[in-house]
Protein backbone atom coordinates (compact mmCIF):
# COMPACT_ATOMS: atom_id res chain seq x y z
CA MET A 1 -14.38 2.40 33.05
CA LEU A 2 -12.33 5.05 34.71
CA ALA A 3 -8.14 4.12 34.69
CA ALA A 4 -6.14 6.83 36.93
CA GLY A 5 -2.09 6.47 37.18
CA ALA A 6 0.10 4.59 35.40
CA LYS A 7 2.29 1.72 36.74
CA GLU A 8 3.76 0.75 33.70
CA LEU A 9 4.04 2.61 30.17
CA LEU A 10 4.49 1.08 26.76
CA LEU A 11 6.09 3.47 24.14
CA PRO A 12 7.20 1.16 21.69
CA ASP A 13 9.78 2.08 19.35
CA VAL A 14 9.02 2.69 15.50
CA LYS A 15 11.75 0.40 14.76
CA GLU A 16 9.93 -2.74 16.47
CA ASP A 17 6.71 -4.88 15.56
CA ARG A 18 4.76 -2.62 17.99
CA PHE A 19 1.93 -5.26 17.93
CA GLU A 20 4.44 -7.55 19.12
CA ALA A 21 5.12 -5.31 21.56
CA LEU A 22 1.49 -4.78 22.46
CA ALA A 23 1.09 -8.56 22.88
CA ALA A 24 4.09 -8.91 25.33
CA PHE A 25 3.11 -6.00 27.30
CA HIS A 26 -0.62 -7.23 27.96
CA GLN A 27 0.13 -9.70 30.36
CA GLY A 28 -3.69 -10.45 30.68
CA GLU A 29 -4.00 -7.20 32.19
CA TRP A 30 -6.36 -4.11 31.85
CA LEU A 31 -4.42 -1.62 29.37
CA PHE A 32 -5.45 1.57 28.18
CA GLY A 33 -4.53 3.85 25.43
CA HIS A 34 -4.66 4.44 21.87
CA LEU A 35 -3.62 3.30 18.24
CA GLY A 36 -2.56 6.09 15.88
CA TYR A 37 -3.50 5.91 12.33
CA ASP A 38 -0.09 6.18 10.63
CA LEU A 39 0.08 2.40 12.22
CA LYS A 40 -1.03 1.73 9.02
CA ASN A 41 2.43 1.91 7.70
CA GLU A 42 3.52 -1.13 9.49
CA VAL A 43 0.84 -3.07 8.58
CA GLU A 44 1.21 -2.21 4.82
CA ALA A 45 3.82 -0.91 2.65
CA LEU A 46 2.94 2.58 3.37
CA GLU A 47 4.41 6.03 4.10
CA SER A 48 2.99 9.33 5.70
CA ARG A 49 4.57 12.61 4.12
CA ASN A 50 2.01 15.47 5.46
CA PRO A 51 3.18 17.25 8.62
CA ASP A 52 1.75 16.05 11.73
CA ARG A 53 0.98 19.06 13.95
CA LEU A 54 -0.50 16.82 17.14
CA SER A 55 2.42 14.66 17.59
CA PHE A 56 0.90 11.83 19.50
CA PRO A 57 2.71 8.67 19.70
CA GLU A 58 1.29 6.08 17.27
CA MET A 59 0.98 3.49 19.92
CA ALA A 60 0.93 4.19 23.51
CA PHE A 61 -0.56 1.89 26.70
CA PHE A 62 -0.44 2.02 30.45
CA LYS A 63 -1.26 -0.05 32.90
CA ALA A 64 -3.42 1.33 35.72
CA GLU A 65 -2.56 1.85 39.25
CA HIS A 66 -6.04 2.57 39.88
CA LEU A 67 -9.11 1.19 38.50
CA LEU A 68 -12.55 2.35 38.40
CA ILE A 69 -15.51 0.07 37.25
CA PHE A 70 -19.42 1.26 37.05
CA GLU A 71 -21.88 -0.95 36.69
CA GLY A 72 -25.60 0.53 37.31
CA ASP A 73 -25.37 2.56 40.24
CA THR A 74 -22.84 0.93 41.64
CA VAL A 75 -18.80 1.20 41.36
CA GLU A 76 -15.82 -1.39 42.03
CA ILE A 77 -12.76 0.23 43.22
CA LYS A 78 -9.28 -1.64 42.31
CA SER A 79 -6.83 -0.10 43.84
CA SER A 80 -3.44 -0.92 46.19
CA ASP A 81 -4.32 2.73 47.96
CA PRO A 82 -6.59 1.97 50.88
CA THR A 83 -7.59 5.69 51.18
CA LEU A 84 -8.40 5.96 47.66
CA PHE A 85 -12.25 6.02 48.50
CA GLN A 86 -11.90 8.51 51.00
CA THR A 87 -9.70 11.21 48.37
CA ILE A 88 -12.46 10.60 46.07
CA GLU A 89 -15.15 11.24 48.47
CA ASP A 90 -13.13 14.57 49.90
CA PHE A 91 -12.68 15.65 45.95
CA THR A 92 -14.34 18.80 44.81
CA PHE A 93 -14.81 19.56 41.38
CA LEU A 94 -15.21 22.98 39.77
CA PRO A 95 -15.91 23.85 36.47
CA SER A 96 -13.93 26.32 34.58
CA SER A 97 -14.40 28.04 31.55
CA SER A 98 -12.89 27.53 28.24
CA GLN A 99 -11.69 30.06 25.55
CA PHE A 100 -10.80 29.53 21.78
CA GLY A 101 -9.43 31.42 19.37
CA THR A 102 -10.58 31.08 15.78
CA ILE A 103 -11.02 27.87 14.12
CA ARG A 104 -10.09 26.70 11.01
CA GLY A 105 -10.20 24.45 8.69
CA SER A 106 -6.74 22.69 6.71
CA MET A 107 -8.84 23.34 3.54
CA SER A 108 -11.20 25.85 2.07
CA LYS A 109 -14.88 25.09 1.15
CA GLN A 110 -13.36 25.28 -3.04
CA GLU A 111 -10.33 23.23 -2.08
CA TYR A 112 -12.34 20.78 -0.79
CA LEU A 113 -14.83 20.84 -3.18
CA LYS A 114 -12.21 20.29 -5.92
CA THR A 115 -10.46 17.59 -4.12
CA ALA A 116 -13.85 15.48 -3.99
CA GLN A 117 -14.29 15.80 -7.52
CA ARG A 118 -10.80 14.26 -7.88
CA LEU A 119 -11.60 11.65 -5.79
CA ARG A 120 -14.85 10.99 -7.44
CA ASP A 121 -13.26 11.02 -11.15
CA HIS A 122 -10.61 7.99 -9.37
CA ILE A 123 -14.23 6.30 -8.35
CA GLU A 124 -15.08 6.37 -12.23
CA GLU A 125 -11.95 5.41 -13.40
CA GLY A 126 -11.99 2.42 -11.24
CA ASP A 127 -9.27 3.16 -8.82
CA CYS A 128 -11.25 2.49 -5.73
CA TYR A 129 -14.94 2.00 -5.06
CA GLU A 130 -15.38 4.50 -1.93
CA ILE A 131 -13.34 6.64 -0.12
CA ASN A 132 -13.49 8.73 3.18
CA LEU A 133 -11.93 12.53 2.74
CA CYS A 134 -11.70 14.31 6.06
CA GLN A 135 -10.01 17.44 7.16
CA GLU A 136 -8.48 18.92 10.33
CA PHE A 137 -10.01 21.83 11.96
CA PHE A 138 -7.06 23.48 14.04
CA GLY A 139 -6.74 26.81 16.41
CA THR A 140 -5.76 28.47 19.38
CA ILE A 141 -6.99 27.20 23.00
CA TYR A 142 -5.94 30.16 25.48
CA GLN A 143 -7.66 28.90 28.16
CA ALA A 144 -9.63 25.38 28.34
CA SER A 145 -10.66 22.54 30.89
CA PRO A 146 -10.76 19.39 29.19
CA VAL A 147 -12.89 17.67 31.95
CA ASP A 148 -15.47 20.20 31.34
CA LEU A 149 -15.24 19.89 27.73
CA PHE A 150 -15.64 16.28 27.45
CA LEU A 151 -18.70 16.99 29.75
CA GLU A 152 -20.26 19.21 27.45
CA LEU A 153 -19.63 16.84 24.96
CA ASN A 154 -20.95 14.47 26.38
CA ARG A 155 -24.37 16.28 27.14
CA LEU A 156 -24.55 17.69 23.63
CA SER A 157 -23.74 14.28 21.82
CA PRO A 158 -24.06 10.80 24.36
CA LYS A 159 -22.20 8.05 22.10
CA PRO A 160 -21.87 4.49 23.44
CA PHE A 161 -17.55 4.55 22.89
CA ALA A 162 -17.00 8.05 24.63
CA SER A 163 -13.53 8.50 25.66
CA PHE A 164 -11.35 10.84 27.79
CA GLN A 165 -7.61 10.16 27.78
CA LYS A 166 -5.02 12.55 29.29
CA TRP A 167 -1.63 11.30 27.72
CA SER A 168 0.99 13.57 29.63
CA ASP A 169 0.14 17.21 28.42
CA GLN A 170 -2.12 16.17 25.48
CA TYR A 171 -5.54 14.97 25.92
CA ILE A 172 -8.35 12.87 23.52
CA LEU A 173 -11.88 13.94 23.84
CA SER A 174 -13.78 11.42 21.78
CA ALA A 175 -17.64 10.80 20.71
CA SER A 176 -17.83 7.92 18.85
CA PRO A 177 -20.98 5.49 18.44
CA GLU A 178 -18.66 3.10 16.27
CA ARG A 179 -17.43 -0.15 17.35
CA PHE A 180 -13.81 -1.26 15.87
CA LEU A 181 -13.28 -4.30 17.38
CA LYS A 182 -15.00 -6.38 20.48
CA LYS A 183 -13.37 -9.55 21.42
CA THR A 184 -15.24 -11.70 24.09
CA GLU A 185 -13.48 -15.25 24.88
CA ALA A 186 -12.86 -16.49 21.12
CA GLN A 187 -15.74 -14.45 19.57
CA LEU A 188 -14.43 -10.73 17.74
CA ILE A 189 -17.15 -8.56 16.36
CA SER A 190 -16.74 -5.40 14.65
CA GLN A 191 -19.91 -2.82 13.70
CA PRO A 192 -18.90 -0.31 11.01
CA ILE A 193 -20.88 2.87 10.40
CA LYS A 194 -21.58 3.66 6.95
CA GLY A 195 -25.00 5.73 6.20
CA THR A 196 -26.15 8.75 7.97
CA ARG A 197 -29.20 10.81 8.31
CA PRO A 198 -30.11 13.83 10.60
CA ARG A 199 -32.83 13.58 13.85
CA GLY A 200 -36.65 15.07 12.61
CA LYS A 201 -37.65 17.66 14.14
CA THR A 202 -41.06 15.78 14.53
CA LYS A 203 -41.83 11.66 15.43
CA ALA A 204 -43.12 11.85 11.91
CA GLU A 205 -40.08 13.48 10.38
CA ASP A 206 -38.08 11.62 12.34
CA ALA A 207 -39.63 8.22 11.12
CA ARG A 208 -39.40 9.34 7.48
CA LEU A 209 -35.84 10.43 7.70
CA ALA A 210 -35.07 6.75 9.46
CA HIS A 211 -36.90 4.81 6.82
CA GLU A 212 -35.44 6.95 3.99
CA LEU A 213 -31.70 5.79 5.16
CA ARG A 214 -32.96 2.40 5.20
CA HIS A 215 -33.94 2.27 1.88
CA ASP A 216 -31.20 4.35 0.19
CA GLU A 217 -29.28 2.61 -2.53
CA LYS A 218 -25.89 4.50 -2.53
CA GLU A 219 -25.98 4.51 1.36
CA MET A 220 -26.41 0.45 1.32
CA ALA A 221 -24.36 0.04 -1.17
CA GLU A 222 -21.41 2.10 0.69
CA ASN A 223 -22.42 0.09 3.98
CA MET A 224 -22.32 -3.48 1.86
CA MET A 225 -18.74 -2.84 0.48
CA ILE A 226 -17.46 -1.62 4.06
CA VAL A 227 -18.96 -5.20 5.39
CA ASP A 228 -17.29 -7.27 2.83
CA LEU A 229 -14.05 -5.14 3.33
CA VAL A 230 -14.62 -6.12 7.40
CA ARG A 231 -15.27 -9.69 6.81
CA ASN A 232 -12.03 -9.92 4.63
CA ASP A 233 -10.43 -8.51 7.33
CA LEU A 234 -11.72 -10.72 9.95
CA ALA A 235 -11.11 -13.91 7.95
CA ARG A 236 -7.32 -13.16 8.28
CA SER A 237 -7.75 -14.06 12.24
CA ALA A 238 -10.53 -16.36 12.11
CA GLU A 239 -11.82 -19.79 12.53
CA THR A 240 -12.30 -21.13 8.75
CA GLY A 241 -16.21 -20.61 7.79
CA SER A 242 -16.73 -18.70 11.39
CA VAL A 243 -17.00 -14.74 9.74
CA GLN A 244 -20.88 -14.20 10.01
CA VAL A 245 -22.94 -11.21 9.18
CA GLU A 246 -25.22 -10.33 12.07
CA GLU A 247 -26.96 -7.28 11.09
CA MET A 248 -26.83 -5.79 7.86
CA PHE A 249 -28.19 -2.25 7.25
CA GLY A 250 -29.44 -1.65 11.04
CA ILE A 251 -30.91 2.02 11.57
CA TYR A 252 -29.77 3.34 14.99
CA PRO A 253 -30.95 6.68 16.23
CA PHE A 254 -28.54 9.04 18.43
CA ARG A 255 -29.20 12.25 19.59
CA GLN A 256 -28.23 14.46 16.62
CA VAL A 257 -28.39 11.84 13.92
CA HIS A 258 -29.69 8.42 12.35
CA GLN A 259 -26.84 5.89 11.80
CA MET A 260 -26.70 2.75 9.43
CA ILE A 261 -24.86 -0.24 11.27
CA SER A 262 -23.95 -3.71 9.93
CA THR A 263 -22.57 -6.32 12.45
CA ILE A 264 -19.99 -8.90 11.50
CA SER A 265 -18.77 -11.73 13.99
CA ALA A 266 -16.09 -14.58 13.81
CA GLU A 267 -14.21 -17.26 15.89
CA LEU A 268 -10.89 -16.36 16.78
CA ARG A 269 -8.25 -18.88 16.03
CA PRO A 270 -6.52 -19.97 18.76
CA ALA A 271 -3.03 -19.17 17.93
CA VAL A 272 -3.63 -16.09 16.86
CA HIS A 273 -3.69 -13.38 19.51
CA PHE A 274 -5.87 -10.79 20.08
CA THR A 275 -3.40 -7.81 19.10
CA GLU A 276 -2.55 -9.83 15.87
CA ALA A 277 -6.25 -9.95 15.03
CA ILE A 278 -6.02 -5.87 15.51
CA LYS A 279 -3.31 -5.49 13.27
CA ASN A 280 -5.32 -7.74 10.52
CA ALA A 281 -8.29 -5.55 10.67
CA TYR A 282 -6.08 -2.30 11.07
CA PRO A 283 -7.06 0.53 10.42
CA MET A 284 -11.03 0.28 10.32
CA GLY A 285 -12.25 -0.07 6.86
CA SER A 286 -15.09 2.37 7.68
CA MET A 287 -12.78 5.18 8.17
CA THR A 288 -10.40 4.57 4.93
CA GLY A 289 -12.56 3.08 1.92
CA ALA A 290 -12.11 0.28 -0.31
CA PRO A 291 -9.96 -1.43 -1.91
CA LYS A 292 -7.96 -0.27 2.01
CA VAL A 293 -4.53 0.07 0.84
CA LYS A 294 -5.37 2.19 -2.45
CA VAL A 295 -7.77 4.30 -0.59
CA MET A 296 -4.72 5.14 2.18
CA GLU A 297 -2.72 6.26 -0.51
CA LEU A 298 -5.42 8.27 -2.03
CA ILE A 299 -6.12 9.85 1.40
CA GLU A 300 -2.11 10.38 1.96
CA THR A 301 -2.07 12.94 -1.36
CA TYR A 302 -5.38 14.56 -1.08
CA GLU A 303 -5.95 14.85 2.56
């Protein structure tokens, strides 16, 4: 799906309930945009004190002027512009080169390992069960074609939830294998990922690595903890007794890695708007760890 042009924007004020604003903005139309991690501070009694070097709005959505829906070898165009198809036909894409400065991490290797050990101490002391430790990589972009970079990213690492977004003069280039939340009529589905192995150089090695992942006690324990967390998150919005684990420890191959993916489903209560279901499960537990509030406090302290 491709959405172009914005006929209406949503940039809710930080002082209002932004998930309620999103529900009011929806009105049954396709919306495109993003939710920032720091919306956690609206969902829970948390705060963010670290510098934000990207300065994306925490929530931003738009209603598209033009919508292209691709299916198989066909495309459906929804637009009030009768000349749009001809404009697309006449367009010529000219690839351009990109040039970057040195890319650096926000932590040195020594700092990263020291922090990881401190978080292991928190686990051993019973503060949390598992936690994600991430760091930022940054550098100077001297010249870049965001579209070219996105196409190259998808050539190297094709993923089912790849996304390209231009917002003003900012871009998001994403190649994600993970589904946070899907709603089809009243059914909700979440598919958290915990557990990874590289692809093998031969069929035999590839099969061995997939088998190793499926039977690794540590990977299965991590996956199970997040499945329990997601079940609890969905239960906040679901019909009583409707939360089900559809698949546990599924092993899925991607271009570079095998991933362990579990699938949890639920039936949304009629009185609950889908934006409230997002809020009740936000942010995704596989991005934080468990228990969610405690690990988000630790992430804020250590990242």
